[in-house]
């Protein structure tokens, strides 16, 4: 959507002036609003409207639940290591 906005503005502003401007897109009043606590991976890649209060932030720490490892010497695979 941001690229489409830049193309649209490029057709209305001469190129020399376009490089000096930065355009940002915002969408308001989506019909359905959800709580921040209800965010799930199902919503990845989708436009969502959320509300809530952020009281603190932390770094995301990925967790390996099950892995497969390969030996560099003998190429043996060890699967489903928890």
C-alpha atoms as a PDB file:
ATOM      1  CA  UNK A   1       0.000   0.000   0.000  1.00  0.00           C
ATOM      2  CA  UNK A   2       2.897   2.342   0.731  1.00  0.00           C
ATOM      3  CA  UNK A   3       4.420   1.659  -2.695  1.00  0.00           C
ATOM      4  CA  UNK A   4       1.072   2.358  -4.357  1.00  0.00           C
ATOM      5  CA  UNK A   5       0.858   5.652  -2.465  1.00  0.00           C
ATOM      6  CA  UNK A   6       4.360   6.640  -3.647  1.00  0.00           C
ATOM      7  CA  UNK A   7       3.400   5.830  -7.262  1.00  0.00           C
ATOM      8  CA  UNK A   8       0.210   7.839  -6.937  1.00  0.00           C
ATOM      9  CA  UNK A   9       2.032  10.850  -5.507  1.00  0.00           C
ATOM     10  CA  UNK A  10       4.712  10.486  -8.194  1.00  0.00           C
ATOM     11  CA  UNK A  11       2.055  11.115 -10.820  1.00  0.00           C
ATOM     12  CA  UNK A  12       1.070  14.402  -9.100  1.00  0.00           C
ATOM     13  CA  UNK A  13       4.467  15.805  -8.059  1.00  0.00           C
ATOM     14  CA  UNK A  14       7.464  16.399 -10.318  1.00  0.00           C
ATOM     15  CA  UNK A  15      10.315  13.900  -9.681  1.00  0.00           C
ATOM     16  CA  UNK A  16      12.764  16.512  -8.344  1.00  0.00           C
ATOM     17  CA  UNK A  17      10.369  17.471  -5.535  1.00  0.00           C
ATOM     18  CA  UNK A  18       9.238  13.888  -4.907  1.00  0.00           C
ATOM     19  CA  UNK A  19      12.671  12.840  -3.571  1.00  0.00           C
ATOM     20  CA  UNK A  20      12.409  15.487  -0.832  1.00  0.00           C
ATOM     21  CA  UNK A  21       9.092  14.152   0.495  1.00  0.00           C
ATOM     22  CA  UNK A  22       8.264  11.130   2.600  1.00  0.00           C
ATOM     23  CA  UNK A  23       4.746   9.726   2.468  1.00  0.00           C
ATOM     24  CA  UNK A  24       3.161   7.590   5.163  1.00  0.00           C
ATOM     25  CA  UNK A  25      -0.118   5.706   4.930  1.00  0.00           C
ATOM     26  CA  UNK A  26      -2.551   5.241   7.832  1.00  0.00           C
ATOM     27  CA  UNK A  27      -5.873   3.398   7.903  1.00  0.00           C
ATOM     28  CA  UNK A  28      -8.534   4.318  10.459  1.00  0.00           C
ATOM     29  CA  UNK A  29     -11.990   3.073  11.470  1.00  0.00           C
ATOM     30  CA  UNK A  30     -11.682  -0.542  10.392  1.00  0.00           C
ATOM     31  CA  UNK A  31     -14.985  -2.286  11.100  1.00  0.00           C
ATOM     32  CA  UNK A  32     -13.652  -4.840  13.583  1.00  0.00           C
ATOM     33  CA  UNK A  33     -11.299  -4.044  16.451  1.00  0.00           C
ATOM     34  CA  UNK A  34      -9.521  -6.616  18.582  1.00  0.00           C
ATOM     35  CA  UNK A  35      -7.605  -6.556  21.843  1.00  0.00           C
ATOM     36  CA  UNK A  36      -3.797  -6.656  21.837  1.00  0.00           C
ATOM     37  CA  UNK A  37      -4.002  -9.785  24.024  1.00  0.00           C
ATOM     38  CA  UNK A  38      -5.997 -11.551  21.299  1.00  0.00           C
ATOM     39  CA  UNK A  39      -3.242 -11.245  18.655  1.00  0.00           C
ATOM     40  CA  UNK A  40      -2.347 -14.654  17.256  1.00  0.00           C
ATOM     41  CA  UNK A  41      -0.156 -15.948  14.447  1.00  0.00           C
ATOM     42  CA  UNK A  42      -3.325 -16.532  12.416  1.00  0.00           C
ATOM     43  CA  UNK A  43      -3.410 -12.775  11.857  1.00  0.00           C
ATOM     44  CA  UNK A  44       0.105 -12.557  10.378  1.00  0.00           C
ATOM     45  CA  UNK A  45       0.103 -10.815   6.997  1.00  0.00           C
ATOM     46  CA  UNK A  46      -3.399  -9.424   7.532  1.00  0.00           C
ATOM     47  CA  UNK A  47      -4.481  -5.856   8.153  1.00  0.00           C
ATOM     48  CA  UNK A  48      -5.809  -5.688  11.717  1.00  0.00           C
ATOM     49  CA  UNK A  49      -7.144  -2.959  13.960  1.00  0.00           C
ATOM     50  CA  UNK A  50      -6.154  -3.418  17.604  1.00  0.00           C
ATOM     51  CA  UNK A  51      -6.511  -1.490  20.820  1.00  0.00           C
ATOM     52  CA  UNK A  52      -4.899  -1.715  24.229  1.00  0.00           C
ATOM     53  CA  UNK A  53      -2.322  -0.197  26.524  1.00  0.00           C
ATOM     54  CA  UNK A  54       1.355  -1.107  26.266  1.00  0.00           C
ATOM     55  CA  UNK A  55       2.844  -1.042  29.756  1.00  0.00           C
ATOM     56  CA  UNK A  56       6.235  -2.608  29.035  1.00  0.00           C
ATOM     57  CA  UNK A  57       8.110  -4.285  26.227  1.00  0.00           C
ATOM     58  CA  UNK A  58      10.673  -7.083  26.097  1.00  0.00           C
ATOM     59  CA  UNK A  59      12.763  -8.656  23.371  1.00  0.00           C
ATOM     60  CA  UNK A  60      11.185 -11.635  21.654  1.00  0.00           C
ATOM     61  CA  UNK A  61      13.066 -14.783  22.634  1.00  0.00           C
ATOM     62  CA  UNK A  62      12.518 -17.687  20.254  1.00  0.00           C
ATOM     63  CA  UNK A  63      12.134 -21.109  21.833  1.00  0.00           C
ATOM     64  CA  UNK A  64      13.100 -24.348  20.137  1.00  0.00           C
ATOM     65  CA  UNK A  65      10.401 -26.907  20.899  1.00  0.00           C
ATOM     66  CA  UNK A  66      11.551 -29.751  18.661  1.00  0.00           C
ATOM     67  CA  UNK A  67      14.651 -29.815  16.461  1.00  0.00           C
ATOM     68  CA  UNK A  68      16.634 -31.894  14.002  1.00  0.00           C
ATOM     69  CA  UNK A  69      20.413 -31.908  14.202  1.00  0.00           C
ATOM     70  CA  UNK A  70      22.985 -33.138  11.689  1.00  0.00           C
ATOM     71  CA  UNK A  71      26.465 -34.379  12.610  1.00  0.00           C
ATOM     72  CA  UNK A  72      29.093 -32.502  10.595  1.00  0.00           C
ATOM     73  CA  UNK A  73      31.457 -35.489  10.598  1.00  0.00           C
ATOM     74  CA  UNK A  74      29.230 -38.460   9.725  1.00  0.00           C
ATOM     75  CA  UNK A  75      26.084 -36.636   8.417  1.00  0.00           C
ATOM     76  CA  UNK A  76      23.907 -38.621  10.823  1.00  0.00           C
ATOM     77  CA  UNK A  77      20.500 -36.962  11.493  1.00  0.00           C
ATOM     78  CA  UNK A  78      18.986 -36.889  14.963  1.00  0.00           C
ATOM     79  CA  UNK A  79      15.308 -35.969  14.618  1.00  0.00           C
ATOM     80  CA  UNK A  80      12.659 -34.761  17.077  1.00  0.00           C
ATOM     81  CA  UNK A  81      15.053 -33.614  19.818  1.00  0.00           C
ATOM     82  CA  UNK A  82      13.058 -31.855  22.537  1.00  0.00           C
END
